[in-house]
Amino acid sequence: MDITSHLTRTVSPAVLEDDHSPARKNLLEQFYAIFAARLADSSTYNRFADENIARDDQAFYDRVWTDGSQRDQIARELAGKHDVDATASRGLIAMAAPLAFYEIKSLAGSTPVPQFLSDNLASYQQHIPAWASTVLPGTISASTAAVEEPLADTVSTTTAPQPQQEEQQGGFLKALLPIIGLIILSALAWALLRGCQENPEPVATPAMSQQIAGASNVEAASLRVATDENSELYACRMSVGDETLQTNVMAALTAAFGDEANKCRADVDDHFTVDMPVAAQLTTVLPILKSVPNASMIIEGDTITVNTSDALALDKLIADLKAAAPAMKVQAERPLDLKDEIESSLFAATNAMKNLGDNPDPSDVARALSVQIINFSVDDATLPEVNKELLDQAAKIIAEVPDIKLMIIGHTDGQGSDDHNNELSRERANAVKEYLVSQGVDTNKLTTRGMGESEPIADNSTEQGRFHNRRIEFVVNDEPSSANDGMTINNESLDPDLNPLDSDNDDVLPDSDDVTQDMDVDTAN
C-alpha cells in the first residue's frame, strides 16, 4: 500500500473541502511523506504516544516538530515548491497533521506506529524531498536524502580549465593525498571504535527496528449498531475489554431498544480497552439513532461514524449526536472506495498476522483473519486472487498450531432470497476452506457455515452497509465463549448466551427456544 496515496484519498478531502487546487493537493501529499518519516522515529512518537489526539487539534503539529524554525522551514519549502502562500501552507499542514496521525494509527492497527512506518518506508520514501533531511531524525534523513532531488546542481558548469591551471591543481592534489589518506584512516578507526562501544543502528535503517518498549496492542472498544425500516434494532456488535463495560453498554442498549438488545453480539477480550469515551452518553446517543430508520452507527475511540440513505436525515442525525456528545468526533461515513477498503484491510490483516508470535492463541488468529475483506464477485464464490497471499500466510500458521480449530462463516447482504443467500454464503465459506486445505491445512481443523443475510453488522439500505454485510468471518470452534470477530463457538451446542443481564437464552444460532431460520452448515467437507 502507498501510504501517501491513502492519506491523499482519506485526509486531503477533509482538509481541502471544496478547494480542488492541484497545487495544494500535491503540497499535502509531500507533507504526508515527511510527516510519516518523522513519526517513524520512536523518540518523536513517544512524546505523545499516550495522548488522545483530537482530529481538530491543530497544535499537534507543533508537538511533532517542537523546533519553530523547522516548522517554518517545512511550510516555506512546501509553499515555494508548490506555489502556495506560506501562511496558507502552514494552515494546511496544521489541519492535516492530526487527521493524518489518526489515519496512520488506524492503518498500523496493533503494530506500533514507528515500526509500521519504518517497515513501510519504501512506500513513501520517494516523496520525501532532499531538503527535508534537516527536519528529520538522523537515520531517516540518511536514508532519504536526495531521493527526490538528486544533487545534479552541484556539478560544475565551468568550461575546461587551462592546462597550466589543471597542472597546478593536479600538483596540489597530489601533495594533499597523504594527508587525505591519514584523515580517512582516522575516521574509519573512530567509526569502528564508536560502533564497538555504542552498537548504533546501520545507516539508512530507520531507528524503529524494534517495538517500543511497553507498547500496547490493545484496540479501542467499539460498538456497531443499525436500525431497520421500522427503527427497530437490526444489527448490533460490540468489542469490549471486560464484562463491566459489556454490562454498561447492554444496559444502554436495553433502555433504547428493549428486548431487541438481546441480539447484540459481544466479543469480550483483553485485546480491547475497558473504557469507551461515550459510555456515559450512550443512554442519550442510542435513542437518537433509534429515531432514524435504516441508519447505522459505529462508535470507536473518540469517533462516531453514522450513515443513512436519507441525506436530510443524515444531516440531522449528525447535528443531534454532536449536541448529545460534544466531546466526540461525529462524522458521516465516507463514500465507498472499494479498492482502498480492500487494500487497507489486507494491510491491517497482514500486520495482525505478523504480530501473532509463536504458538498464537486461536482467537487471535481468527480475529486477525477476520480483518481482511474477501470481496467475491456478484453472485459468485470464486476466491479473489488478491486474498491468496494472506491466506498462504494463514495456512502456515494454522498448520503449525496443533490444537487450533476454526469455523469459516459466510455472510451476504439483504438482497436476494433467503435460500439463495444461504447457499451462496456457504459456497463462499467452502471456497476459503478449500484454498487453505490446498495450502497444507488439515481439513479436520476447518469447518464452514453459511449464514446468508441473517447476521448483519450494518444497514442494508446503503452501499456501504451492504458492503460491510457481505463478508467472511473466522471464529474459533469447540470452545464456548462470546460471539463476534474472533469469537469462539461450542461445537456441541453452538448456543452461547449473548445477554448475561437477563434470564433468557439469547442464542447466536437458533434452537428450540428461538425462531428457526434456514442455515447451511458443513462440518465434513
Protein backbone atom coordinates (compact mmCIF):
# COMPACT_ATOMS: atom_id res chain seq x y z
CA MET A 1 0.00 0.00 0.00
CA ASP A 2 1.18 3.52 -0.85
CA ILE A 3 0.71 5.37 2.44
CA THR A 4 0.84 8.83 0.86
CA SER A 5 -1.79 7.88 -1.72
CA HIS A 6 -4.02 6.51 1.03
CA LEU A 7 -3.71 9.72 3.04
CA THR A 8 -4.35 11.77 -0.08
CA ARG A 9 -7.61 9.88 -0.60
CA THR A 10 -8.75 9.96 3.02
CA VAL A 11 -7.31 13.08 4.65
CA SER A 12 -6.91 15.65 1.87
CA PRO A 13 -10.65 15.92 1.08
CA ALA A 14 -11.34 16.78 4.73
CA VAL A 15 -8.58 19.42 4.75
CA LEU A 16 -9.29 20.98 1.34
CA GLU A 17 -13.10 20.58 1.38
CA ASP A 18 -14.29 22.40 -1.78
CA ASP A 19 -10.80 23.56 -2.76
CA HIS A 20 -9.74 21.35 -5.68
CA SER A 21 -6.41 23.08 -6.27
CA PRO A 22 -3.88 20.54 -7.59
CA ALA A 23 -1.06 22.60 -6.04
CA ARG A 24 -2.48 22.29 -2.53
CA LYS A 25 -3.25 18.62 -3.03
CA ASN A 26 0.35 17.97 -4.11
CA LEU A 27 1.66 20.03 -1.19
CA LEU A 28 -0.25 17.85 1.26
CA GLU A 29 0.89 14.65 -0.44
CA GLN A 30 4.52 15.65 0.02
CA PHE A 31 3.87 16.70 3.61
CA TYR A 32 2.40 13.27 4.39
CA ALA A 33 5.69 11.64 3.38
CA ILE A 34 7.73 13.99 5.59
CA PHE A 35 5.23 13.56 8.42
CA ALA A 36 5.38 9.75 8.17
CA ALA A 37 9.17 9.80 8.24
CA ARG A 38 9.08 11.95 11.36
CA LEU A 39 6.67 9.59 13.16
CA ALA A 40 8.90 6.64 12.24
CA ASP A 41 11.29 7.99 14.87
CA SER A 42 10.31 6.36 18.17
CA SER A 43 11.66 9.20 20.33
CA THR A 44 9.40 11.65 18.49
CA TYR A 45 6.36 9.37 18.64
CA ASN A 46 6.83 8.54 22.32
CA ARG A 47 6.28 12.19 23.26
CA PHE A 48 2.57 11.88 22.51
CA ALA A 49 2.02 8.10 22.15
CA ASP A 50 -0.32 8.02 25.15
CA GLU A 51 -2.24 11.17 24.25
CA ASN A 52 -5.75 11.10 22.82
CA ILE A 53 -5.14 13.35 19.82
CA ALA A 54 -8.30 15.12 18.67
CA ARG A 55 -8.77 15.36 14.93
CA ASP A 56 -9.09 19.15 15.11
CA ASP A 57 -6.02 19.61 17.34
CA GLN A 58 -4.05 21.96 15.09
CA ALA A 59 -1.46 22.46 17.82
CA PHE A 60 -0.48 18.82 17.38
CA TYR A 61 1.82 19.80 14.50
CA ASP A 62 3.78 21.98 16.95
CA ARG A 63 4.32 18.94 19.18
CA VAL A 64 5.59 16.82 16.32
CA TRP A 65 8.16 19.48 15.38
CA THR A 66 8.95 21.36 18.58
CA ASP A 67 11.59 23.49 16.83
CA GLY A 68 9.80 26.52 15.42
CA SER A 69 12.48 27.12 12.80
CA GLN A 70 11.92 23.62 11.43
CA ARG A 71 8.18 24.17 11.25
CA ASP A 72 8.76 27.42 9.39
CA GLN A 73 11.17 25.70 7.01
CA ILE A 74 8.67 22.96 6.18
CA ALA A 75 5.89 25.45 5.49
CA ARG A 76 8.20 27.73 3.48
CA GLU A 77 9.79 24.98 1.39
CA LEU A 78 6.47 23.30 0.57
CA ALA A 79 4.93 26.67 -0.25
CA GLY A 80 7.76 27.52 -2.63
CA LYS A 81 7.77 24.09 -4.25
CA HIS A 82 4.04 24.11 -4.95
CA ASP A 83 3.48 27.85 -5.46
CA VAL A 84 1.23 28.25 -2.42
CA ASP A 85 1.21 31.17 0.02
CA ALA A 86 3.41 30.36 3.04
CA THR A 87 0.69 31.23 5.55
CA ALA A 88 -1.80 29.02 3.72
CA SER A 89 0.81 26.27 3.64
CA ARG A 90 1.20 26.40 7.42
CA GLY A 91 -2.58 26.28 7.88
CA LEU A 92 -2.99 23.26 5.61
CA ILE A 93 -0.21 21.38 7.40
CA ALA A 94 -1.63 22.14 10.86
CA MET A 95 -5.06 20.88 9.80
CA ALA A 96 -3.70 17.76 8.10
CA ALA A 97 -1.32 16.60 10.86
CA PRO A 98 -3.87 15.28 13.42
CA LEU A 99 -6.05 13.74 10.71
CA ALA A 100 -3.07 12.01 9.11
CA PHE A 101 -1.92 10.81 12.53
CA TYR A 102 -5.32 9.25 13.23
CA GLU A 103 -5.39 7.55 9.82
CA ILE A 104 -1.84 6.21 10.19
CA LYS A 105 -2.70 4.76 13.60
CA SER A 106 -5.70 3.03 12.04
CA LEU A 107 -3.53 1.57 9.28
CA ALA A 108 -0.94 0.39 11.78
CA GLY A 109 -3.53 -1.49 13.81
CA SER A 110 -1.83 -3.35 16.65
CA THR A 111 1.65 -2.65 15.25
CA PRO A 112 3.47 0.25 16.96
CA VAL A 113 3.28 3.26 14.65
CA PRO A 114 7.07 3.82 14.36
CA GLN A 115 7.63 0.18 13.48
CA PHE A 116 4.78 0.24 10.96
CA LEU A 117 6.16 3.34 9.24
CA SER A 118 9.73 2.07 9.34
CA ASP A 119 8.72 -1.27 7.85
CA ASN A 120 6.92 0.56 5.05
CA LEU A 121 9.42 3.36 4.43
CA ALA A 122 9.79 2.31 0.79
CA SER A 123 6.13 3.16 0.11
CA TYR A 124 6.60 6.88 0.84
CA GLN A 125 10.35 7.43 0.71
CA GLN A 126 10.31 8.60 -2.90
CA HIS A 127 8.05 11.53 -1.97
CA ILE A 128 10.49 12.99 0.59
CA PRO A 129 12.50 15.95 -0.80
CA ALA A 130 16.23 16.29 -0.19
CA TRP A 131 15.85 19.45 1.89
CA ALA A 132 13.74 17.53 4.43
CA SER A 133 16.88 15.83 5.75
CA THR A 134 17.37 18.86 8.02
CA VAL A 135 13.98 18.39 9.71
CA LEU A 136 14.05 14.60 10.08
CA PRO A 137 15.89 12.31 12.51
CA GLY A 138 19.41 11.32 11.51
CA THR A 139 18.76 7.74 10.42
CA ILE A 140 15.67 8.70 8.45
CA SER A 141 17.38 11.64 6.75
CA ALA A 142 20.38 9.47 5.89
CA SER A 143 18.14 7.05 4.05
CA THR A 144 16.06 9.66 2.24
CA ALA A 145 18.49 12.44 1.39
CA ALA A 146 18.46 13.40 -2.29
CA VAL A 147 15.81 10.77 -3.14
CA GLU A 148 13.53 13.25 -4.84
CA GLU A 149 16.08 15.86 -5.87
CA PRO A 150 19.43 14.43 -6.99
CA LEU A 151 22.24 16.86 -6.36
CA ALA A 152 22.83 17.47 -10.05
CA ASP A 153 23.04 21.20 -9.43
CA THR A 154 26.36 20.67 -7.66
CA VAL A 155 28.05 19.59 -10.89
CA SER A 156 30.25 22.39 -12.20
CA THR A 157 29.29 24.01 -15.47
CA THR A 158 32.58 25.88 -15.73
CA THR A 159 34.42 25.50 -19.02
CA ALA A 160 37.53 23.31 -19.11
CA PRO A 161 40.43 24.91 -17.22
CA GLN A 162 43.64 25.98 -18.92
CA PRO A 163 46.37 23.34 -18.97
CA GLN A 164 48.57 25.38 -16.59
CA GLN A 165 45.73 25.67 -14.05
CA GLU A 166 44.98 21.96 -14.36
CA GLU A 167 48.64 21.10 -13.78
CA GLN A 168 48.80 23.35 -10.74
CA GLN A 169 45.62 21.88 -9.30
CA GLY A 170 46.84 18.35 -10.01
CA GLY A 171 50.13 19.02 -8.23
CA PHE A 172 48.33 20.49 -5.27
CA LEU A 173 46.00 17.49 -5.02
CA LYS A 174 48.94 15.10 -5.20
CA ALA A 175 50.53 16.91 -2.28
CA LEU A 176 47.30 16.52 -0.31
CA LEU A 177 46.89 12.77 -0.95
CA PRO A 178 48.92 11.57 2.06
CA ILE A 179 47.03 13.95 4.35
CA ILE A 180 43.66 12.84 2.94
CA GLY A 181 44.65 9.22 3.43
CA LEU A 182 45.51 9.81 7.08
CA ILE A 183 42.20 11.61 7.62
CA ILE A 184 40.22 8.73 6.08
CA LEU A 185 42.07 6.12 8.12
CA SER A 186 41.48 8.11 11.30
CA ALA A 187 37.78 8.47 10.51
CA LEU A 188 37.42 4.75 9.85
CA ALA A 189 39.19 3.88 13.09
CA TRP A 190 36.98 6.26 15.05
CA ALA A 191 33.81 4.85 13.44
CA LEU A 192 34.92 1.29 14.24
CA LEU A 193 35.65 2.18 17.85
CA ARG A 194 32.32 4.00 18.23
CA GLY A 195 30.46 1.08 16.72
CA CYS A 196 32.01 -1.31 19.21
CA GLN A 197 31.16 0.98 22.11
CA GLU A 198 27.64 2.07 21.23
CA ASN A 199 26.44 -0.51 18.67
CA PRO A 200 24.45 2.09 16.68
CA GLU A 201 21.89 1.01 14.11
CA PRO A 202 23.06 0.80 10.49
CA VAL A 203 22.90 3.93 8.39
CA ALA A 204 19.79 4.13 6.20
CA THR A 205 17.90 1.86 8.60
CA PRO A 206 15.04 3.61 10.38
CA ALA A 207 15.61 3.93 14.09
CA MET A 208 12.47 1.95 14.84
CA SER A 209 13.65 -1.58 14.13
CA GLN A 210 12.37 -2.77 17.50
CA GLN A 211 8.93 -2.32 19.02
CA ILE A 212 8.52 0.48 21.53
CA ALA A 213 9.18 -0.83 25.00
CA GLY A 214 5.87 -1.45 26.70
CA ALA A 215 3.86 -0.64 23.55
CA SER A 216 0.27 -1.83 23.79
CA ASN A 217 -1.57 -3.91 21.21
CA VAL A 218 -4.91 -3.06 22.79
CA GLU A 219 -7.53 -1.70 20.38
CA ALA A 220 -10.25 0.79 21.22
CA ALA A 221 -13.52 -0.73 22.40
CA SER A 222 -16.20 -0.36 19.74
CA LEU A 223 -19.93 -0.63 19.13
CA ARG A 224 -21.73 -1.10 15.79
CA VAL A 225 -25.49 -0.58 15.70
CA ALA A 226 -28.02 -0.40 12.83
CA THR A 227 -31.77 0.11 12.64
CA ASP A 228 -34.29 -1.35 10.19
CA GLU A 229 -37.12 0.34 8.28
CA ASN A 230 -39.22 0.38 11.46
CA SER A 231 -36.40 1.87 13.58
CA GLU A 232 -36.02 -1.42 15.44
CA LEU A 233 -32.58 -2.84 16.20
CA TYR A 234 -31.39 -4.54 13.02
CA ALA A 235 -27.72 -5.24 13.77
CA CYS A 236 -25.52 -4.91 16.83
CA ARG A 237 -21.91 -5.83 17.63
CA MET A 238 -19.63 -4.76 20.43
CA SER A 239 -15.93 -5.39 21.13
CA VAL A 240 -15.02 -4.59 24.72
CA GLY A 241 -12.23 -5.30 27.17
CA ASP A 242 -14.21 -6.62 30.14
CA GLU A 243 -17.66 -7.66 31.33
CA THR A 244 -18.18 -4.41 33.21
CA LEU A 245 -18.13 -2.38 30.01
CA GLN A 246 -20.25 -5.04 28.29
CA THR A 247 -22.83 -4.76 31.07
CA ASN A 248 -22.91 -0.96 30.83
CA VAL A 249 -23.31 -0.99 27.06
CA MET A 250 -26.00 -3.68 27.23
CA ALA A 251 -27.91 -1.64 29.81
CA ALA A 252 -27.95 1.37 27.47
CA LEU A 253 -28.98 -0.81 24.51
CA THR A 254 -31.80 -2.36 26.51
CA ALA A 255 -33.02 1.07 27.62
CA ALA A 256 -33.18 2.20 23.99
CA PHE A 257 -34.32 -0.94 22.16
CA GLY A 258 -35.90 -3.12 24.83
CA ASP A 259 -35.69 -6.88 24.32
CA GLU A 260 -34.27 -6.33 20.83
CA ALA A 261 -30.97 -5.55 22.54
CA ASN A 262 -30.60 -9.26 23.27
CA LYS A 263 -29.48 -9.85 19.69
CA CYS A 264 -26.33 -7.79 20.26
CA ARG A 265 -23.23 -9.94 19.90
CA ALA A 266 -20.22 -9.27 22.10
CA ASP A 267 -16.51 -10.00 21.87
CA VAL A 268 -15.18 -9.60 25.41
CA ASP A 269 -11.41 -9.84 25.35
CA ASP A 270 -8.42 -8.02 26.84
CA HIS A 271 -7.45 -7.29 23.23
CA PHE A 272 -9.81 -4.27 23.62
CA THR A 273 -9.89 -1.34 26.04
CA VAL A 274 -12.07 -1.46 29.15
CA ASP A 275 -13.47 2.02 28.64
CA MET A 276 -15.45 3.83 25.95
CA PRO A 277 -15.32 7.66 25.90
CA VAL A 278 -19.01 7.95 25.03
CA ALA A 279 -20.22 5.32 27.51
CA ALA A 280 -21.80 7.88 29.83
CA GLN A 281 -23.79 9.41 26.95
CA LEU A 282 -24.99 6.13 25.40
CA THR A 283 -28.41 6.43 27.03
CA THR A 284 -28.82 9.68 25.08
CA VAL A 285 -26.97 8.71 21.90
CA LEU A 286 -28.74 5.41 21.20
CA PRO A 287 -32.32 6.83 21.26
CA ILE A 288 -31.20 9.41 18.70
CA LEU A 289 -30.12 6.62 16.36
CA LYS A 290 -33.31 4.69 17.06
CA SER A 291 -35.36 7.64 15.82
CA VAL A 292 -33.88 7.22 12.33
CA PRO A 293 -34.94 4.20 10.24
CA ASN A 294 -32.36 2.33 8.14
CA ALA A 295 -29.44 4.03 9.87
CA SER A 296 -26.11 2.72 11.10
CA MET A 297 -23.61 3.94 13.68
CA ILE A 298 -20.05 2.89 14.52
CA ILE A 299 -18.54 4.07 17.80
CA GLU A 300 -14.79 3.57 18.07
CA GLY A 301 -12.47 5.53 20.32
CA ASP A 302 -13.47 9.20 20.24
CA THR A 303 -15.28 8.95 16.89
CA ILE A 304 -18.90 8.29 15.96
CA THR A 305 -19.48 7.44 12.28
CA VAL A 306 -23.06 7.36 11.00
CA ASN A 307 -24.88 6.72 7.76
CA THR A 308 -28.37 6.52 6.30
CA SER A 309 -29.77 6.65 2.79
CA ASP A 310 -31.75 9.86 3.52
CA ALA A 311 -29.38 12.84 3.17
CA LEU A 312 -31.55 15.21 5.21
CA ALA A 313 -31.97 12.64 7.97
CA LEU A 314 -28.20 12.11 7.96
CA ASP A 315 -27.51 15.82 8.48
CA LYS A 316 -29.97 15.95 11.37
CA LEU A 317 -28.56 12.76 12.88
CA ILE A 318 -25.05 14.22 12.88
CA ALA A 319 -26.23 17.50 14.41
CA ASP A 320 -28.23 15.74 17.15
CA LEU A 321 -25.33 13.44 18.04
CA LYS A 322 -22.89 16.35 18.22
CA ALA A 323 -25.22 18.08 20.67
CA ALA A 324 -25.60 14.91 22.74
CA ALA A 325 -21.90 14.04 22.81
CA PRO A 326 -19.93 17.26 22.24
CA ALA A 327 -16.60 15.67 23.15
CA MET A 328 -16.92 13.11 20.37
CA LYS A 329 -15.98 13.50 16.71
CA VAL A 330 -19.20 12.85 14.76
CA GLN A 331 -18.92 12.24 11.04
CA ALA A 332 -20.77 10.77 8.09
CA GLU A 333 -19.43 7.53 6.69
CA ARG A 334 -17.33 8.34 3.65
CA PRO A 335 -18.34 7.11 0.18
CA LEU A 336 -17.31 3.55 -0.55
CA ASP A 337 -13.83 3.28 -2.07
CA LEU A 338 -13.72 -0.43 -2.82
CA LYS A 339 -10.06 -0.61 -3.82
CA ASP A 340 -8.89 1.32 -0.78
CA GLU A 341 -11.11 -0.67 1.61
CA ILE A 342 -9.71 -3.97 0.34
CA GLU A 343 -6.09 -2.78 0.34
CA SER A 344 -6.40 -1.32 3.82
CA SER A 345 -7.98 -4.48 5.19
CA LEU A 346 -5.29 -6.73 3.73
CA PHE A 347 -2.61 -4.39 5.03
CA ALA A 348 -4.07 -4.43 8.55
CA ALA A 349 -4.63 -8.19 8.47
CA THR A 350 -1.06 -8.80 7.33
CA ASN A 351 0.29 -6.73 10.23
CA ALA A 352 -2.00 -8.52 12.66
CA MET A 353 -0.71 -11.88 11.38
CA LYS A 354 2.89 -10.74 11.78
CA ASN A 355 2.24 -9.83 15.41
CA LEU A 356 0.78 -13.22 16.38
CA GLY A 357 4.14 -14.59 17.50
CA ASP A 358 4.92 -18.25 18.21
CA ASN A 359 2.12 -20.63 19.17
CA PRO A 360 -0.58 -17.93 18.94
CA ASP A 361 -3.93 -18.07 20.68
CA PRO A 362 -6.56 -19.41 18.22
CA SER A 363 -8.85 -16.45 18.98
CA ASP A 364 -6.11 -14.04 17.92
CA VAL A 365 -5.62 -15.99 14.68
CA ALA A 366 -9.35 -15.86 13.97
CA ARG A 367 -9.52 -12.17 14.78
CA ALA A 368 -6.55 -11.36 12.51
CA LEU A 369 -8.04 -13.32 9.60
CA SER A 370 -11.42 -11.63 10.03
CA VAL A 371 -9.82 -8.22 9.48
CA GLN A 372 -9.35 -8.93 5.77
CA ILE A 373 -12.11 -8.20 3.25
CA ILE A 374 -12.73 -11.07 0.83
CA ASN A 375 -14.71 -9.32 -1.86
CA PHE A 376 -16.30 -12.03 -4.02
CA SER A 377 -17.77 -11.02 -7.34
CA VAL A 378 -21.55 -10.64 -7.53
CA ASP A 379 -23.32 -13.99 -7.19
CA ASP A 380 -20.01 -15.85 -7.36
CA ALA A 381 -17.95 -18.00 -5.00
CA THR A 382 -14.57 -17.82 -6.71
CA LEU A 383 -11.88 -16.78 -4.25
CA PRO A 384 -10.30 -13.43 -5.30
CA GLU A 385 -6.60 -13.65 -6.21
CA VAL A 386 -5.77 -10.64 -4.03
CA ASN A 387 -6.56 -12.61 -0.85
CA LYS A 388 -4.42 -15.64 -1.59
CA GLU A 389 -1.12 -14.23 -0.37
CA LEU A 390 -2.57 -13.54 3.08
CA LEU A 391 -4.29 -16.93 3.18
CA ASP A 392 -0.96 -18.54 2.30
CA GLN A 393 0.49 -16.99 5.46
CA ALA A 394 -2.57 -18.10 7.43
CA ALA A 395 -2.22 -21.67 6.17
CA LYS A 396 1.32 -21.90 7.55
CA ILE A 397 0.21 -20.60 10.96
CA ILE A 398 -2.86 -22.85 11.16
CA ALA A 399 -0.81 -25.87 10.11
CA GLU A 400 1.77 -25.18 12.83
CA VAL A 401 -0.70 -24.65 15.71
CA PRO A 402 -1.57 -28.20 16.83
CA ASP A 403 -4.95 -27.77 18.53
CA ILE A 404 -6.49 -24.94 16.52
CA LYS A 405 -9.95 -25.47 15.02
CA LEU A 406 -11.62 -22.68 13.09
CA MET A 407 -15.05 -22.17 11.62
CA ILE A 408 -15.28 -20.11 8.44
CA ILE A 409 -18.61 -18.27 8.24
CA GLY A 410 -20.00 -16.69 5.07
CA HIS A 411 -22.43 -13.75 5.15
CA THR A 412 -24.35 -11.87 2.46
CA ASP A 413 -26.29 -8.62 2.31
CA GLY A 414 -30.09 -8.45 2.27
CA GLN A 415 -30.52 -8.58 -1.48
CA GLY A 416 -31.82 -11.83 -2.96
CA SER A 417 -33.87 -14.65 -1.46
CA ASP A 418 -33.01 -16.30 1.85
CA ASP A 419 -32.41 -19.69 0.26
CA HIS A 420 -30.12 -18.27 -2.40
CA ASN A 421 -28.13 -16.18 0.10
CA ASN A 422 -27.71 -19.11 2.48
CA GLU A 423 -26.37 -21.29 -0.30
CA LEU A 424 -24.13 -18.55 -1.71
CA SER A 425 -22.63 -17.75 1.70
CA ARG A 426 -21.94 -21.45 2.31
CA GLU A 427 -20.23 -21.83 -1.08
CA ARG A 428 -18.01 -18.81 -0.37
CA ALA A 429 -17.01 -20.15 3.03
CA ASN A 430 -16.23 -23.50 1.39
CA ALA A 431 -14.08 -21.75 -1.23
CA VAL A 432 -11.93 -20.24 1.52
CA LYS A 433 -11.64 -23.60 3.29
CA GLU A 434 -10.72 -25.45 0.10
CA TYR A 435 -7.95 -22.99 -0.64
CA LEU A 436 -6.49 -23.28 2.87
CA VAL A 437 -6.60 -27.08 2.62
CA SER A 438 -4.84 -26.88 -0.75
CA GLN A 439 -2.07 -24.96 1.02
CA GLY A 440 -1.48 -27.71 3.57
CA VAL A 441 -4.05 -27.15 6.33
CA ASP A 442 -5.56 -30.30 7.81
CA THR A 443 -9.19 -30.41 6.68
CA ASN A 444 -10.24 -31.50 10.19
CA LYS A 445 -9.12 -28.13 11.55
CA LEU A 446 -11.70 -26.26 9.49
CA THR A 447 -15.49 -26.24 9.31
CA THR A 448 -17.77 -23.92 7.37
CA ARG A 449 -21.13 -22.30 7.82
CA GLY A 450 -23.36 -20.22 5.57
CA MET A 451 -25.42 -17.61 7.42
CA GLY A 452 -26.86 -15.76 4.44
CA GLU A 453 -28.25 -12.39 5.49
CA SER A 454 -29.24 -13.49 9.00
CA GLU A 455 -26.38 -11.78 10.88
CA PRO A 456 -25.87 -8.27 9.51
CA ILE A 457 -23.40 -5.85 11.06
CA ALA A 458 -24.71 -2.75 9.26
CA ASP A 459 -27.80 -1.46 7.49
CA ASN A 460 -28.83 -2.86 4.11
CA SER A 461 -30.16 0.44 2.77
CA THR A 462 -26.79 2.00 1.82
CA GLU A 463 -23.97 0.85 -0.43
CA GLN A 464 -21.52 0.98 2.46
CA GLY A 465 -23.81 -1.03 4.74
CA ARG A 466 -24.35 -3.79 2.18
CA PHE A 467 -20.60 -3.90 1.59
CA HIS A 468 -19.93 -4.43 5.32
CA ASN A 469 -22.56 -7.17 5.50
CA ARG A 470 -21.01 -9.17 2.64
CA ARG A 471 -18.13 -10.76 4.49
CA ILE A 472 -16.24 -13.85 5.60
CA GLU A 473 -15.57 -14.31 9.32
CA PHE A 474 -13.31 -16.73 11.14
CA VAL A 475 -14.27 -17.97 14.60
CA VAL A 476 -12.76 -20.49 16.97
CA ASN A 477 -14.61 -23.79 17.12
CA ASP A 478 -15.03 -26.12 20.12
CA GLU A 479 -14.55 -23.53 22.87
CA PRO A 480 -17.54 -21.78 24.49
CA SER A 481 -17.25 -18.01 24.69
CA SER A 482 -18.88 -14.81 23.46
CA ALA A 483 -19.55 -14.35 19.80
CA ASN A 484 -18.01 -11.83 17.46
CA ASP A 485 -14.88 -11.40 15.32
CA GLY A 486 -12.51 -13.83 16.92
CA MET A 487 -15.40 -15.38 18.84
CA THR A 488 -15.40 -18.99 19.93
CA ILE A 489 -18.30 -21.39 19.40
CA ASN A 490 -19.04 -24.61 21.22
CA ASN A 491 -19.32 -27.33 18.62
CA GLU A 492 -21.83 -29.34 20.66
CA SER A 493 -24.41 -26.68 21.44
CA LEU A 494 -23.45 -23.76 19.16
CA ASP A 495 -25.58 -21.83 21.61
CA PRO A 496 -23.86 -19.14 23.75
CA ASP A 497 -25.97 -16.72 25.77
CA LEU A 498 -25.50 -13.23 24.33
CA ASN A 499 -27.01 -11.14 27.09
CA PRO A 500 -25.90 -12.08 30.61
CA LEU A 501 -28.20 -9.45 32.13
CA ASP A 502 -31.43 -11.41 31.73
CA SER A 503 -32.64 -14.95 32.27
CA ASP A 504 -33.22 -15.65 28.58
CA ASN A 505 -31.07 -17.95 26.50
CA ASP A 506 -30.18 -15.49 23.74
CA ASP A 507 -28.53 -17.61 21.11
CA VAL A 508 -26.12 -16.93 18.29
CA LEU A 509 -27.72 -19.77 16.38
CA PRO A 510 -31.36 -20.94 16.67
CA ASP A 511 -32.54 -23.95 18.62
CA SER A 512 -35.79 -24.99 20.24
CA ASP A 513 -36.27 -21.70 22.08
CA ASP A 514 -35.69 -19.48 19.07
CA VAL A 515 -37.37 -18.72 15.77
CA THR A 516 -35.93 -21.19 13.28
CA GLN A 517 -34.15 -19.88 10.20
CA ASP A 518 -32.65 -21.80 7.32
CA MET A 519 -28.89 -22.13 7.65
CA ASP A 520 -26.33 -24.28 5.92
CA VAL A 521 -23.65 -25.97 7.98
CA ASP A 522 -20.81 -28.05 6.63
CA THR A 523 -18.59 -29.86 9.11
CA ALA A 524 -17.42 -32.70 6.92
CA ASN A 525 -16.21 -31.13 3.68
